[in-house]
């Protein structure tokens, strides 16, 4: 990527009453949830450097997003 990294964005979909946190740089996003704090916690836990399990889970989620496996219901 040759663009400047952006800050993650907390977004709220009023019609579904769900929050997500989305990274504009890599397009990684949390699972949608109606509880804002749980979305923030998921983001925090998925971005801890140096933890092999967290890195594996992040990569798995990232690949799901890229493959389009996260359909919004």
PDB file of N, CA and C in Angstrom:
ATOM      1  N   UNK A   1       0.833  -1.177   0.000  1.00  0.00           N
ATOM      2  CA  UNK A   1       0.000   0.000   0.000  1.00  0.00           C
ATOM      3  C   UNK A   1       0.878   1.241   0.000  1.00  0.00           C
ATOM      4  N   UNK A   2       0.496   2.184  -0.817  1.00  0.00           N
ATOM      5  CA  UNK A   2       1.258   3.412  -0.930  1.00  0.00           C
ATOM      6  C   UNK A   2       0.463   4.617  -0.446  1.00  0.00           C
ATOM      7  N   UNK A   3      -0.428   4.396   0.470  1.00  0.00           N
ATOM      8  CA  UNK A   3      -1.185   5.529   0.986  1.00  0.00           C
ATOM      9  C   UNK A   3      -0.917   5.702   2.469  1.00  0.00           C
ATOM     10  N   UNK A   4      -1.205   6.884   2.935  1.00  0.00           N
ATOM     11  CA  UNK A   4      -0.972   7.204   4.338  1.00  0.00           C
ATOM     12  C   UNK A   4      -1.953   6.419   5.214  1.00  0.00           C
ATOM     13  N   UNK A   5      -1.453   5.769   6.266  1.00  0.00           N
ATOM     14  CA  UNK A   5      -2.347   5.021   7.151  1.00  0.00           C
ATOM     15  C   UNK A   5      -3.404   5.926   7.786  1.00  0.00           C
ATOM     16  N   UNK A   6      -4.617   5.445   7.826  1.00  0.00           N
ATOM     17  CA  UNK A   6      -5.701   6.192   8.450  1.00  0.00           C
ATOM     18  C   UNK A   6      -6.010   5.649   9.835  1.00  0.00           C
ATOM     19  N   UNK A   7      -6.711   6.440  10.613  1.00  0.00           N
ATOM     20  CA  UNK A   7      -7.115   6.002  11.953  1.00  0.00           C
ATOM     21  C   UNK A   7      -8.380   5.155  11.856  1.00  0.00           C
ATOM     22  N   UNK A   8      -8.521   4.188  12.747  1.00  0.00           N
ATOM     23  CA  UNK A   8      -9.749   3.384  12.762  1.00  0.00           C
ATOM     24  C   UNK A   8     -10.963   4.267  13.048  1.00  0.00           C
ATOM     25  N   UNK A   9     -12.090   3.879  12.486  1.00  0.00           N
ATOM     26  CA  UNK A   9     -13.318   4.654  12.646  1.00  0.00           C
ATOM     27  C   UNK A   9     -14.386   3.804  13.322  1.00  0.00           C
ATOM     28  N   UNK A  10     -15.009   4.367  14.346  1.00  0.00           N
ATOM     29  CA  UNK A  10     -16.165   3.729  14.978  1.00  0.00           C
ATOM     30  C   UNK A  10     -17.389   4.184  14.203  1.00  0.00           C
ATOM     31  N   UNK A  11     -18.126   3.235  13.652  1.00  0.00           N
ATOM     32  CA  UNK A  11     -19.301   3.575  12.853  1.00  0.00           C
ATOM     33  C   UNK A  11     -20.548   2.964  13.473  1.00  0.00           C
ATOM     34  N   UNK A  12     -21.666   3.661  13.273  1.00  0.00           N
ATOM     35  CA  UNK A  12     -22.946   3.201  13.792  1.00  0.00           C
ATOM     36  C   UNK A  12     -23.954   3.178  12.650  1.00  0.00           C
ATOM     37  N   UNK A  13     -24.582   2.027  12.444  1.00  0.00           N
ATOM     38  CA  UNK A  13     -25.638   1.893  11.443  1.00  0.00           C
ATOM     39  C   UNK A  13     -26.973   2.014  12.167  1.00  0.00           C
ATOM     40  N   UNK A  14     -27.609   3.160  12.040  1.00  0.00           N
ATOM     41  CA  UNK A  14     -28.844   3.428  12.778  1.00  0.00           C
ATOM     42  C   UNK A  14     -29.978   2.494  12.367  1.00  0.00           C
ATOM     43  N   UNK A  15     -30.041   2.137  11.093  1.00  0.00           N
ATOM     44  CA  UNK A  15     -31.137   1.266  10.648  1.00  0.00           C
ATOM     45  C   UNK A  15     -31.028  -0.144  11.230  1.00  0.00           C
ATOM     46  N   UNK A  16     -29.792  -0.607  11.506  1.00  0.00           N
ATOM     47  CA  UNK A  16     -29.592  -1.930  12.112  1.00  0.00           C
ATOM     48  C   UNK A  16     -29.252  -1.838  13.594  1.00  0.00           C
ATOM     49  N   UNK A  17     -28.995  -0.625  14.065  1.00  0.00           N
ATOM     50  CA  UNK A  17     -28.609  -0.379  15.463  1.00  0.00           C
ATOM     51  C   UNK A  17     -27.370  -1.187  15.838  1.00  0.00           C
ATOM     52  N   UNK A  18     -26.351  -1.130  14.964  1.00  0.00           N
ATOM     53  CA  UNK A  18     -25.115  -1.881  15.174  1.00  0.00           C
ATOM     54  C   UNK A  18     -23.902  -0.976  15.027  1.00  0.00           C
ATOM     55  N   UNK A  19     -22.891  -1.289  15.815  1.00  0.00           N
ATOM     56  CA  UNK A  19     -21.608  -0.597  15.742  1.00  0.00           C
ATOM     57  C   UNK A  19     -20.579  -1.507  15.082  1.00  0.00           C
ATOM     58  N   UNK A  20     -19.596  -0.893  14.415  1.00  0.00           N
ATOM     59  CA  UNK A  20     -18.396  -1.591  13.965  1.00  0.00           C
ATOM     60  C   UNK A  20     -17.235  -0.616  14.090  1.00  0.00           C
ATOM     61  N   UNK A  21     -16.033  -1.154  14.147  1.00  0.00           N
ATOM     62  CA  UNK A  21     -14.835  -0.330  14.002  1.00  0.00           C
ATOM     63  C   UNK A  21     -14.178  -0.800  12.722  1.00  0.00           C
ATOM     64  N   UNK A  22     -13.816   0.162  11.877  1.00  0.00           N
ATOM     65  CA  UNK A  22     -13.298  -0.120  10.546  1.00  0.00           C
ATOM     66  C   UNK A  22     -11.988   0.623  10.336  1.00  0.00           C
ATOM     67  N   UNK A  23     -11.011  -0.058   9.762  1.00  0.00           N
ATOM     68  CA  UNK A  23      -9.723   0.555   9.438  1.00  0.00           C
ATOM     69  C   UNK A  23      -9.714   0.906   7.953  1.00  0.00           C
ATOM     70  N   UNK A  24      -9.624   2.192   7.607  1.00  0.00           N
ATOM     71  CA  UNK A  24      -9.628   2.571   6.193  1.00  0.00           C
ATOM     72  C   UNK A  24      -8.355   2.169   5.454  1.00  0.00           C
ATOM     73  N   UNK A  25      -7.284   1.884   6.173  1.00  0.00           N
ATOM     74  CA  UNK A  25      -6.023   1.524   5.535  1.00  0.00           C
ATOM     75  C   UNK A  25      -6.038   0.088   5.024  1.00  0.00           C
ATOM     76  N   UNK A  26      -6.424  -0.865   5.881  1.00  0.00           N
ATOM     77  CA  UNK A  26      -6.374  -2.282   5.483  1.00  0.00           C
ATOM     78  C   UNK A  26      -7.759  -2.902   5.305  1.00  0.00           C
ATOM     79  N   UNK A  27      -8.824  -2.152   5.599  1.00  0.00           N
ATOM     80  CA  UNK A  27     -10.213  -2.591   5.467  1.00  0.00           C
ATOM     81  C   UNK A  27     -10.606  -3.649   6.500  1.00  0.00           C
ATOM     82  N   UNK A  28      -9.805  -3.825   7.550  1.00  0.00           N
ATOM     83  CA  UNK A  28     -10.167  -4.748   8.633  1.00  0.00           C
ATOM     84  C   UNK A  28     -11.321  -4.131   9.418  1.00  0.00           C
ATOM     85  N   UNK A  29     -12.263  -4.954   9.836  1.00  0.00           N
ATOM     86  CA  UNK A  29     -13.381  -4.446  10.633  1.00  0.00           C
ATOM     87  C   UNK A  29     -13.818  -5.497  11.649  1.00  0.00           C
ATOM     88  N   UNK A  30     -14.420  -5.024  12.702  1.00  0.00           N
ATOM     89  CA  UNK A  30     -14.914  -5.921  13.737  1.00  0.00           C
ATOM     90  C   UNK A  30     -16.242  -6.525  13.297  1.00  0.00           C
ATOM     91  N   UNK A  31     -16.688  -7.519  14.051  1.00  0.00           N
ATOM     92  CA  UNK A  31     -18.028  -8.042  13.831  1.00  0.00           C
ATOM     93  C   UNK A  31     -19.021  -6.979  14.303  1.00  0.00           C
ATOM     94  N   UNK A  32     -20.140  -6.814  13.627  1.00  0.00           N
ATOM     95  CA  UNK A  32     -21.132  -5.836  14.079  1.00  0.00           C
ATOM     96  C   UNK A  32     -21.764  -6.273  15.398  1.00  0.00           C
ATOM     97  N   UNK A  33     -22.051  -5.297  16.245  1.00  0.00           N
ATOM     98  CA  UNK A  33     -22.662  -5.585  17.543  1.00  0.00           C
ATOM     99  C   UNK A  33     -23.486  -4.380  17.976  1.00  0.00           C
ATOM    100  N   UNK A  34     -24.531  -4.629  18.749  1.00  0.00           N
ATOM    101  CA  UNK A  34     -25.366  -3.536  19.234  1.00  0.00           C
ATOM    102  C   UNK A  34     -24.752  -2.823  20.431  1.00  0.00           C
ATOM    103  N   UNK A  35     -23.728  -3.412  21.020  1.00  0.00           N
ATOM    104  CA  UNK A  35     -23.064  -2.830  22.184  1.00  0.00           C
ATOM    105  C   UNK A  35     -21.742  -2.186  21.758  1.00  0.00           C
ATOM    106  N   UNK A  36     -21.639  -0.880  21.929  1.00  0.00           N
ATOM    107  CA  UNK A  36     -20.438  -0.155  21.505  1.00  0.00           C
ATOM    108  C   UNK A  36     -19.196  -0.629  22.241  1.00  0.00           C
ATOM    109  N   UNK A  37     -19.315  -0.878  23.533  1.00  0.00           N
ATOM    110  CA  UNK A  37     -18.153  -1.295  24.324  1.00  0.00           C
ATOM    111  C   UNK A  37     -17.618  -2.653  23.871  1.00  0.00           C
ATOM    112  N   UNK A  38     -18.495  -3.561  23.470  1.00  0.00           N
ATOM    113  CA  UNK A  38     -18.017  -4.869  23.011  1.00  0.00           C
ATOM    114  C   UNK A  38     -17.260  -4.743  21.688  1.00  0.00           C
ATOM    115  N   UNK A  39     -17.660  -3.816  20.833  1.00  0.00           N
ATOM    116  CA  UNK A  39     -16.941  -3.579  19.577  1.00  0.00           C
ATOM    117  C   UNK A  39     -15.562  -2.988  19.861  1.00  0.00           C
ATOM    118  N   UNK A  40     -15.491  -2.047  20.794  1.00  0.00           N
ATOM    119  CA  UNK A  40     -14.207  -1.450  21.176  1.00  0.00           C
ATOM    120  C   UNK A  40     -13.297  -2.511  21.785  1.00  0.00           C
ATOM    121  N   UNK A  41     -13.849  -3.379  22.614  1.00  0.00           N
ATOM    122  CA  UNK A  41     -13.069  -4.453  23.232  1.00  0.00           C
ATOM    123  C   UNK A  41     -12.549  -5.425  22.182  1.00  0.00           C
ATOM    124  N   UNK A  42     -13.394  -5.791  21.221  1.00  0.00           N
ATOM    125  CA  UNK A  42     -12.942  -6.690  20.154  1.00  0.00           C
ATOM    126  C   UNK A  42     -11.794  -6.056  19.374  1.00  0.00           C
ATOM    127  N   UNK A  43     -11.900  -4.757  19.080  1.00  0.00           N
ATOM    128  CA  UNK A  43     -10.829  -4.066  18.353  1.00  0.00           C
ATOM    129  C   UNK A  43      -9.539  -4.091  19.166  1.00  0.00           C
ATOM    130  N   UNK A  44      -9.658  -3.780  20.449  1.00  0.00           N
ATOM    131  CA  UNK A  44      -8.478  -3.759  21.322  1.00  0.00           C
ATOM    132  C   UNK A  44      -7.812  -5.134  21.376  1.00  0.00           C
ATOM    133  N   UNK A  45      -8.611  -6.174  21.566  1.00  0.00           N
ATOM    134  CA  UNK A  45      -8.058  -7.524  21.682  1.00  0.00           C
ATOM    135  C   UNK A  45      -7.476  -8.035  20.365  1.00  0.00           C
ATOM    136  N   UNK A  46      -7.988  -7.534  19.248  1.00  0.00           N
ATOM    137  CA  UNK A  46      -7.474  -7.996  17.954  1.00  0.00           C
ATOM    138  C   UNK A  46      -6.247  -7.222  17.497  1.00  0.00           C
ATOM    139  N   UNK A  47      -5.800  -6.263  18.286  1.00  0.00           N
ATOM    140  CA  UNK A  47      -4.651  -5.445  17.898  1.00  0.00           C
ATOM    141  C   UNK A  47      -3.567  -5.423  18.962  1.00  0.00           C
ATOM    142  N   UNK A  48      -3.303  -6.572  19.561  1.00  0.00           N
ATOM    143  CA  UNK A  48      -2.230  -6.677  20.545  1.00  0.00           C
ATOM    144  C   UNK A  48      -1.009  -7.287  19.874  1.00  0.00           C
ATOM    145  N   UNK A  49       0.058  -6.509  19.706  1.00  0.00           N
ATOM    146  CA  UNK A  49       1.249  -7.039  19.035  1.00  0.00           C
ATOM    147  C   UNK A  49       1.984  -8.062  19.893  1.00  0.00           C
ATOM    148  N   UNK A  50       2.643  -9.012  19.235  1.00  0.00           N
ATOM    149  CA  UNK A  50       3.489  -9.970  19.931  1.00  0.00           C
ATOM    150  C   UNK A  50       2.795 -11.217  20.433  1.00  0.00           C
ATOM    151  N   UNK A  51       1.498 -11.341  20.236  1.00  0.00           N
ATOM    152  CA  UNK A  51       0.755 -12.505  20.691  1.00  0.00           C
ATOM    153  C   UNK A  51       0.414 -13.355  19.464  1.00  0.00           C
ATOM    154  N   UNK A  52       0.996 -14.525  19.348  1.00  0.00           N
ATOM    155  CA  UNK A  52       0.827 -15.377  18.167  1.00  0.00           C
ATOM    156  C   UNK A  52      -0.636 -15.749  17.935  1.00  0.00           C
ATOM    157  N   UNK A  53      -1.364 -16.082  18.986  1.00  0.00           N
ATOM    158  CA  UNK A  53      -2.775 -16.444  18.839  1.00  0.00           C
ATOM    159  C   UNK A  53      -3.573 -15.265  18.280  1.00  0.00           C
ATOM    160  N   UNK A  54      -3.343 -14.075  18.817  1.00  0.00           N
ATOM    161  CA  UNK A  54      -4.047 -12.880  18.343  1.00  0.00           C
ATOM    162  C   UNK A  54      -3.712 -12.621  16.875  1.00  0.00           C
ATOM    163  N   UNK A  55      -2.439 -12.768  16.518  1.00  0.00           N
ATOM    164  CA  UNK A  55      -2.038 -12.566  15.120  1.00  0.00           C
ATOM    165  C   UNK A  55      -2.726 -13.567  14.200  1.00  0.00           C
ATOM    166  N   UNK A  56      -2.822 -14.823  14.627  1.00  0.00           N
ATOM    167  CA  UNK A  56      -3.495 -15.846  13.824  1.00  0.00           C
ATOM    168  C   UNK A  56      -4.981 -15.530  13.660  1.00  0.00           C
ATOM    169  N   UNK A  57      -5.626 -15.106  14.745  1.00  0.00           N
ATOM    170  CA  UNK A  57      -7.047 -14.772  14.686  1.00  0.00           C
ATOM    171  C   UNK A  57      -7.281 -13.540  13.809  1.00  0.00           C
ATOM    172  N   UNK A  58      -6.385 -12.550  13.895  1.00  0.00           N
ATOM    173  CA  UNK A  58      -6.495 -11.351  13.073  1.00  0.00           C
ATOM    174  C   UNK A  58      -6.393 -11.727  11.600  1.00  0.00           C
ATOM    175  N   UNK A  59      -5.410 -12.566  11.266  1.00  0.00           N
ATOM    176  CA  UNK A  59      -5.222 -12.969   9.879  1.00  0.00           C
ATOM    177  C   UNK A  59      -6.428 -13.757   9.365  1.00  0.00           C
ATOM    178  N   UNK A  60      -6.965 -14.635  10.197  1.00  0.00           N
ATOM    179  CA  UNK A  60      -8.143 -15.411   9.810  1.00  0.00           C
ATOM    180  C   UNK A  60      -9.314 -14.480   9.503  1.00  0.00           C
ATOM    181  N   UNK A  61      -9.563 -13.512  10.384  1.00  0.00           N
ATOM    182  CA  UNK A  61     -10.655 -12.552  10.184  1.00  0.00           C
ATOM    183  C   UNK A  61     -10.405 -11.695   8.943  1.00  0.00           C
ATOM    184  N   UNK A  62      -9.166 -11.255   8.771  1.00  0.00           N
ATOM    185  CA  UNK A  62      -8.813 -10.431   7.615  1.00  0.00           C
ATOM    186  C   UNK A  62      -9.072 -11.181   6.311  1.00  0.00           C
ATOM    187  N   UNK A  63      -8.692 -12.449   6.261  1.00  0.00           N
ATOM    188  CA  UNK A  63      -8.918 -13.242   5.054  1.00  0.00           C
ATOM    189  C   UNK A  63     -10.406 -13.484   4.813  1.00  0.00           C
ATOM    190  N   UNK A  64     -11.185 -13.649   5.877  1.00  0.00           N
ATOM    191  CA  UNK A  64     -12.638 -13.776   5.735  1.00  0.00           C
ATOM    192  C   UNK A  64     -13.218 -12.525   5.095  1.00  0.00           C
ATOM    193  N   UNK A  65     -12.758 -11.374   5.552  1.00  0.00           N
ATOM    194  CA  UNK A  65     -13.247 -10.108   5.013  1.00  0.00           C
ATOM    195  C   UNK A  65     -12.885  -9.993   3.537  1.00  0.00           C
ATOM    196  N   UNK A  66     -11.645 -10.308   3.207  1.00  0.00           N
ATOM    197  CA  UNK A  66     -11.189 -10.199   1.818  1.00  0.00           C
ATOM    198  C   UNK A  66     -11.920 -11.163   0.890  1.00  0.00           C
ATOM    199  N   UNK A  67     -12.292 -12.334   1.395  1.00  0.00           N
ATOM    200  CA  UNK A  67     -12.995 -13.322   0.577  1.00  0.00           C
ATOM    201  C   UNK A  67     -14.493 -13.052   0.509  1.00  0.00           C
ATOM    202  N   UNK A  68     -14.972 -12.088   1.278  1.00  0.00           N
ATOM    203  CA  UNK A  68     -16.390 -11.761   1.262  1.00  0.00           C
ATOM    204  C   UNK A  68     -17.238 -12.704   2.078  1.00  0.00           C
ATOM    205  N   UNK A  69     -16.616 -13.418   3.013  1.00  0.00           N
ATOM    206  CA  UNK A  69     -17.345 -14.398   3.817  1.00  0.00           C
ATOM    207  C   UNK A  69     -18.176 -13.758   4.915  1.00  0.00           C
ATOM    208  N   UNK A  70     -18.045 -12.454   5.122  1.00  0.00           N
ATOM    209  CA  UNK A  70     -18.785 -11.793   6.196  1.00  0.00           C
ATOM    210  C   UNK A  70     -19.975 -11.050   5.614  1.00  0.00           C
ATOM    211  N   UNK A  71     -20.986 -11.779   5.246  1.00  0.00           N
ATOM    212  CA  UNK A  71     -22.192 -11.180   4.693  1.00  0.00           C
ATOM    213  C   UNK A  71     -22.993 -10.523   5.805  1.00  0.00           C
ATOM    214  N   UNK A  72     -23.500  -9.352   5.529  1.00  0.00           N
ATOM    215  CA  UNK A  72     -24.322  -8.631   6.503  1.00  0.00           C
ATOM    216  C   UNK A  72     -25.753  -9.107   6.348  1.00  0.00           C
ATOM    217  N   UNK A  73     -26.324  -9.551   7.449  1.00  0.00           N
ATOM    218  CA  UNK A  73     -27.693 -10.086   7.401  1.00  0.00           C
ATOM    219  C   UNK A  73     -28.710  -8.981   7.441  1.00  0.00           C
TER     220      UNK A  73
END
